[in-house]
Every structure is written in C-alpha cells, then in structure tokens.
Amino acid sequence: MRYGYYDTPRRRTLSELAVMLDVSPAAASTMAHRAEERIVKEFVQRANGSLPSE
C-alpha cells in the first residue's frame, strides 16, 4: 500500500504511520482496525454470495 504499513515485511510501524497521517498512535490504530473490519466483512459477505449491507 501507499505507506507501507500493510507490506510484507512492513516498511512502516503504526507509530510511523501515525506521524505521517498527523494523528496519535491510538487514532491510527483505531482507523486501521475499522478499515480492516470493513474489508473483512465485505470479503465474507461477497464470499457468501451476498452484497454488503452498507
């Protein structure tokens, strides 16, 4: 991805990502968790043959 947080191996830590986004590490963690949740839910819904509810 653009900032390297999701690269394997990671090119950026969560703390580095927070600095780049000008947010606290806690806010960066929350944002990443919410994004991951949306992606996983949509993936599961599509795998089950249904569309996302949102």
PDB file of N, CA and C in Angstrom:
ATOM      1  N   MET A   1       0.831  -1.175   0.000  1.00  0.00           N
ATOM      2  CA  MET A   1       0.000   0.000   0.000  1.00  0.00           C
ATOM      3  C   MET A   1       0.879   1.244   0.000  1.00  0.00           C
ATOM      4  N   ARG A   2       0.238   2.337  -0.044  1.00  0.00           N
ATOM      5  CA  ARG A   2       0.922   3.614  -0.211  1.00  0.00           C
ATOM      6  C   ARG A   2       1.962   3.907   0.880  1.00  0.00           C
ATOM      7  N   TYR A   3       1.643   3.628   2.128  1.00  0.00           N
ATOM      8  CA  TYR A   3       2.531   3.990   3.222  1.00  0.00           C
ATOM      9  C   TYR A   3       3.377   2.827   3.729  1.00  0.00           C
ATOM     10  N   GLY A   4       3.162   1.640   3.243  1.00  0.00           N
ATOM     11  CA  GLY A   4       3.989   0.510   3.621  1.00  0.00           C
ATOM     12  C   GLY A   4       3.579  -0.219   4.883  1.00  0.00           C
ATOM     13  N   TYR A   5       2.492   0.210   5.515  1.00  0.00           N
ATOM     14  CA  TYR A   5       2.067  -0.436   6.757  1.00  0.00           C
ATOM     15  C   TYR A   5       1.610  -1.869   6.508  1.00  0.00           C
ATOM     16  N   TYR A   6       0.964  -2.109   5.373  1.00  0.00           N
ATOM     17  CA  TYR A   6       0.462  -3.454   5.073  1.00  0.00           C
ATOM     18  C   TYR A   6       1.395  -4.255   4.177  1.00  0.00           C
ATOM     19  N   ASP A   7       2.569  -3.732   3.893  1.00  0.00           N
ATOM     20  CA  ASP A   7       3.545  -4.502   3.116  1.00  0.00           C
ATOM     21  C   ASP A   7       4.081  -5.656   3.959  1.00  0.00           C
ATOM     22  N   THR A   8       4.582  -6.697   3.272  1.00  0.00           N
ATOM     23  CA  THR A   8       5.234  -7.809   3.954  1.00  0.00           C
ATOM     24  C   THR A   8       6.639  -7.929   3.406  1.00  0.00           C
ATOM     25  N   PRO A   9       7.634  -7.701   4.217  1.00  0.00           N
ATOM     26  CA  PRO A   9       7.556  -7.235   5.599  1.00  0.00           C
ATOM     27  C   PRO A   9       7.147  -5.765   5.651  1.00  0.00           C
ATOM     28  N   ARG A  10       6.680  -5.345   6.803  1.00  0.00           N
ATOM     29  CA  ARG A  10       6.226  -3.961   6.961  1.00  0.00           C
ATOM     30  C   ARG A  10       7.378  -2.993   6.744  1.00  0.00           C
ATOM     31  N   ARG A  11       7.079  -1.931   5.998  1.00  0.00           N
ATOM     32  CA  ARG A  11       8.071  -0.874   5.803  1.00  0.00           C
ATOM     33  C   ARG A  11       7.873   0.265   6.803  1.00  0.00           C
ATOM     34  N   ARG A  12       6.710   0.316   7.451  1.00  0.00           N
ATOM     35  CA  ARG A  12       6.400   1.354   8.428  1.00  0.00           C
ATOM     36  C   ARG A  12       5.715   0.727   9.633  1.00  0.00           C
ATOM     37  N   THR A  13       6.003   1.260  10.812  1.00  0.00           N
ATOM     38  CA  THR A  13       5.302   0.834  12.014  1.00  0.00           C
ATOM     39  C   THR A  13       4.031   1.657  12.151  1.00  0.00           C
ATOM     40  N   LEU A  14       3.179   1.250  13.065  1.00  0.00           N
ATOM     41  CA  LEU A  14       1.962   2.008  13.324  1.00  0.00           C
ATOM     42  C   LEU A  14       2.307   3.411  13.822  1.00  0.00           C
ATOM     43  N   SER A  15       3.324   3.527  14.637  1.00  0.00           N
ATOM     44  CA  SER A  15       3.752   4.846  15.131  1.00  0.00           C
ATOM     45  C   SER A  15       4.234   5.741  13.992  1.00  0.00           C
ATOM     46  N   GLU A  16       4.991   5.168  13.065  1.00  0.00           N
ATOM     47  CA  GLU A  16       5.444   5.946  11.909  1.00  0.00           C
ATOM     48  C   GLU A  16       4.269   6.362  11.042  1.00  0.00           C
ATOM     49  N   LEU A  17       3.326   5.460  10.861  1.00  0.00           N
ATOM     50  CA  LEU A  17       2.125   5.775  10.092  1.00  0.00           C
ATOM     51  C   LEU A  17       1.353   6.914  10.746  1.00  0.00           C
ATOM     52  N   ALA A  18       1.245   6.890  12.059  1.00  0.00           N
ATOM     53  CA  ALA A  18       0.539   7.946  12.785  1.00  0.00           C
ATOM     54  C   ALA A  18       1.192   9.302  12.535  1.00  0.00           C
ATOM     55  N   VAL A  19       2.512   9.338  12.570  1.00  0.00           N
ATOM     56  CA  VAL A  19       3.226  10.594  12.306  1.00  0.00           C
ATOM     57  C   VAL A  19       2.933  11.081  10.887  1.00  0.00           C
ATOM     58  N   MET A  20       2.961  10.158   9.932  1.00  0.00           N
ATOM     59  CA  MET A  20       2.716  10.517   8.533  1.00  0.00           C
ATOM     60  C   MET A  20       1.304  11.051   8.336  1.00  0.00           C
ATOM     61  N   LEU A  21       0.344  10.531   9.105  1.00  0.00           N
ATOM     62  CA  LEU A  21      -1.053  10.959   8.981  1.00  0.00           C
ATOM     63  C   LEU A  21      -1.395  12.101   9.933  1.00  0.00           C
ATOM     64  N   ASP A  22      -0.427  12.509  10.750  1.00  0.00           N
ATOM     65  CA  ASP A  22      -0.603  13.590  11.724  1.00  0.00           C
ATOM     66  C   ASP A  22      -1.732  13.292  12.705  1.00  0.00           C
ATOM     67  N   VAL A  23      -1.723  12.061  13.227  1.00  0.00           N
ATOM     68  CA  VAL A  23      -2.677  11.636  14.253  1.00  0.00           C
ATOM     69  C   VAL A  23      -1.911  10.902  15.342  1.00  0.00           C
ATOM     70  N   SER A  24      -2.569  10.668  16.462  1.00  0.00           N
ATOM     71  CA  SER A  24      -1.934   9.911  17.539  1.00  0.00           C
ATOM     72  C   SER A  24      -1.831   8.437  17.147  1.00  0.00           C
ATOM     73  N   PRO A  25      -0.924   7.704  17.770  1.00  0.00           N
ATOM     74  CA  PRO A  25      -0.852   6.263  17.501  1.00  0.00           C
ATOM     75  C   PRO A  25      -2.174   5.556  17.811  1.00  0.00           C
ATOM     76  N   ALA A  26      -2.873   5.989  18.843  1.00  0.00           N
ATOM     77  CA  ALA A  26      -4.165   5.378  19.175  1.00  0.00           C
ATOM     78  C   ALA A  26      -5.177   5.628  18.065  1.00  0.00           C
ATOM     79  N   ALA A  27      -5.187   6.836  17.515  1.00  0.00           N
ATOM     80  CA  ALA A  27      -6.110   7.147  16.418  1.00  0.00           C
ATOM     81  C   ALA A  27      -5.762   6.343  15.170  1.00  0.00           C
ATOM     82  N   ALA A  28      -4.472   6.203  14.883  1.00  0.00           N
ATOM     83  CA  ALA A  28      -4.046   5.400  13.730  1.00  0.00           C
ATOM     84  C   ALA A  28      -4.457   3.947  13.906  1.00  0.00           C
ATOM     85  N   SER A  29      -4.317   3.434  15.113  1.00  0.00           N
ATOM     86  CA  SER A  29      -4.718   2.062  15.400  1.00  0.00           C
ATOM     87  C   SER A  29      -6.217   1.878  15.204  1.00  0.00           C
ATOM     88  N   THR A  30      -6.995   2.823  15.698  1.00  0.00           N
ATOM     89  CA  THR A  30      -8.454   2.758  15.545  1.00  0.00           C
ATOM     90  C   THR A  30      -8.844   2.810  14.074  1.00  0.00           C
ATOM     91  N   MET A  31      -8.215   3.695  13.327  1.00  0.00           N
ATOM     92  CA  MET A  31      -8.526   3.807  11.898  1.00  0.00           C
ATOM     93  C   MET A  31      -8.178   2.517  11.160  1.00  0.00           C
ATOM     94  N   ALA A  32      -7.029   1.943  11.461  1.00  0.00           N
ATOM     95  CA  ALA A  32      -6.619   0.701  10.808  1.00  0.00           C
ATOM     96  C   ALA A  32      -7.577  -0.430  11.171  1.00  0.00           C
ATOM     97  N   HIS A  33      -7.948  -0.522  12.434  1.00  0.00           N
ATOM     98  CA  HIS A  33      -8.861  -1.572  12.879  1.00  0.00           C
ATOM     99  C   HIS A  33     -10.216  -1.455  12.179  1.00  0.00           C
ATOM    100  N   ARG A  34     -10.747  -0.252  12.086  1.00  0.00           N
ATOM    101  CA  ARG A  34     -12.040  -0.044  11.417  1.00  0.00           C
ATOM    102  C   ARG A  34     -11.957  -0.392   9.934  1.00  0.00           C
ATOM    103  N   ALA A  35     -10.865  -0.005   9.292  1.00  0.00           N
ATOM    104  CA  ALA A  35     -10.694  -0.324   7.875  1.00  0.00           C
ATOM    105  C   ALA A  35     -10.599  -1.836   7.667  1.00  0.00           C
ATOM    106  N   GLU A  36      -9.816  -2.496   8.520  1.00  0.00           N
ATOM    107  CA  GLU A  36      -9.685  -3.952   8.430  1.00  0.00           C
ATOM    108  C   GLU A  36     -11.026  -4.636   8.642  1.00  0.00           C
ATOM    109  N   GLU A  37     -11.810  -4.152   9.597  1.00  0.00           N
ATOM    110  CA  GLU A  37     -13.128  -4.728   9.868  1.00  0.00           C
ATOM    111  C   GLU A  37     -14.028  -4.624   8.644  1.00  0.00           C
ATOM    112  N   ARG A  38     -14.046  -3.464   8.011  1.00  0.00           N
ATOM    113  CA  ARG A  38     -14.878  -3.277   6.810  1.00  0.00           C
ATOM    114  C   ARG A  38     -14.451  -4.200   5.685  1.00  0.00           C
ATOM    115  N   ILE A  39     -13.144  -4.308   5.487  1.00  0.00           N
ATOM    116  CA  ILE A  39     -12.628  -5.155   4.412  1.00  0.00           C
ATOM    117  C   ILE A  39     -12.996  -6.612   4.654  1.00  0.00           C
ATOM    118  N   VAL A  40     -12.784  -7.095   5.864  1.00  0.00           N
ATOM    119  CA  VAL A  40     -13.070  -8.490   6.179  1.00  0.00           C
ATOM    120  C   VAL A  40     -14.568  -8.771   6.054  1.00  0.00           C
ATOM    121  N   LYS A  41     -15.405  -7.887   6.583  1.00  0.00           N
ATOM    122  CA  LYS A  41     -16.852  -8.100   6.488  1.00  0.00           C
ATOM    123  C   LYS A  41     -17.307  -8.148   5.041  1.00  0.00           C
ATOM    124  N   GLU A  42     -16.808  -7.235   4.206  1.00  0.00           N
ATOM    125  CA  GLU A  42     -17.201  -7.242   2.804  1.00  0.00           C
ATOM    126  C   GLU A  42     -16.704  -8.501   2.105  1.00  0.00           C
ATOM    127  N   PHE A  43     -15.490  -8.916   2.406  1.00  0.00           N
ATOM    128  CA  PHE A  43     -14.941 -10.137   1.817  1.00  0.00           C
ATOM    129  C   PHE A  43     -15.815 -11.338   2.159  1.00  0.00           C
ATOM    130  N   VAL A  44     -16.185 -11.467   3.420  1.00  0.00           N
ATOM    131  CA  VAL A  44     -17.007 -12.600   3.862  1.00  0.00           C
ATOM    132  C   VAL A  44     -18.377 -12.544   3.199  1.00  0.00           C
ATOM    133  N   GLN A  45     -18.973 -11.358   3.130  1.00  0.00           N
ATOM    134  CA  GLN A  45     -20.283 -11.229   2.503  1.00  0.00           C
ATOM    135  C   GLN A  45     -20.228 -11.608   1.034  1.00  0.00           C
ATOM    136  N   ARG A  46     -19.193 -11.158   0.352  1.00  0.00           N
ATOM    137  CA  ARG A  46     -19.056 -11.488  -1.083  1.00  0.00           C
ATOM    138  C   ARG A  46     -18.778 -12.983  -1.268  1.00  0.00           C
ATOM    139  N   ALA A  47     -17.990 -13.554  -0.370  1.00  0.00           N
ATOM    140  CA  ALA A  47     -17.705 -14.998  -0.452  1.00  0.00           C
ATOM    141  C   ALA A  47     -18.964 -15.828  -0.245  1.00  0.00           C
ATOM    142  N   ASN A  48     -19.889 -15.282   0.536  1.00  0.00           N
ATOM    143  CA  ASN A  48     -21.168 -15.962   0.774  1.00  0.00           C
ATOM    144  C   ASN A  48     -22.198 -15.640  -0.287  1.00  0.00           C
ATOM    145  N   GLY A  49     -21.817 -14.838  -1.277  1.00  0.00           N
ATOM    146  CA  GLY A  49     -22.705 -14.518  -2.394  1.00  0.00           C
ATOM    147  C   GLY A  49     -23.692 -13.410  -2.103  1.00  0.00           C
ATOM    148  N   SER A  50     -23.469 -12.630  -1.064  1.00  0.00           N
ATOM    149  CA  SER A  50     -24.365 -11.526  -0.776  1.00  0.00           C
ATOM    150  C   SER A  50     -23.621 -10.205  -0.900  1.00  0.00           C
ATOM    151  N   LEU A  51     -24.343  -9.132  -1.082  1.00  0.00           N
ATOM    152  CA  LEU A  51     -23.762  -7.802  -1.177  1.00  0.00           C
ATOM    153  C   LEU A  51     -23.621  -7.209   0.222  1.00  0.00           C
ATOM    154  N   PRO A  52     -22.698  -6.264   0.391  1.00  0.00           N
ATOM    155  CA  PRO A  52     -22.570  -5.601   1.684  1.00  0.00           C
ATOM    156  C   PRO A  52     -23.854  -4.888   2.058  1.00  0.00           C
ATOM    157  N   SER A  53     -24.163  -4.854   3.352  1.00  0.00           N
ATOM    158  CA  SER A  53     -25.405  -4.229   3.805  1.00  0.00           C
ATOM    159  C   SER A  53     -25.314  -2.722   3.864  1.00  0.00           C
ATOM    160  N   GLU A  54     -24.112  -2.167   3.834  1.00  0.00           N
ATOM    161  CA  GLU A  54     -23.964  -0.705   3.908  1.00  0.00           C
ATOM    162  C   GLU A  54     -23.756  -0.118   2.548  1.00  0.00           C
TER     163      GLU A  54
END
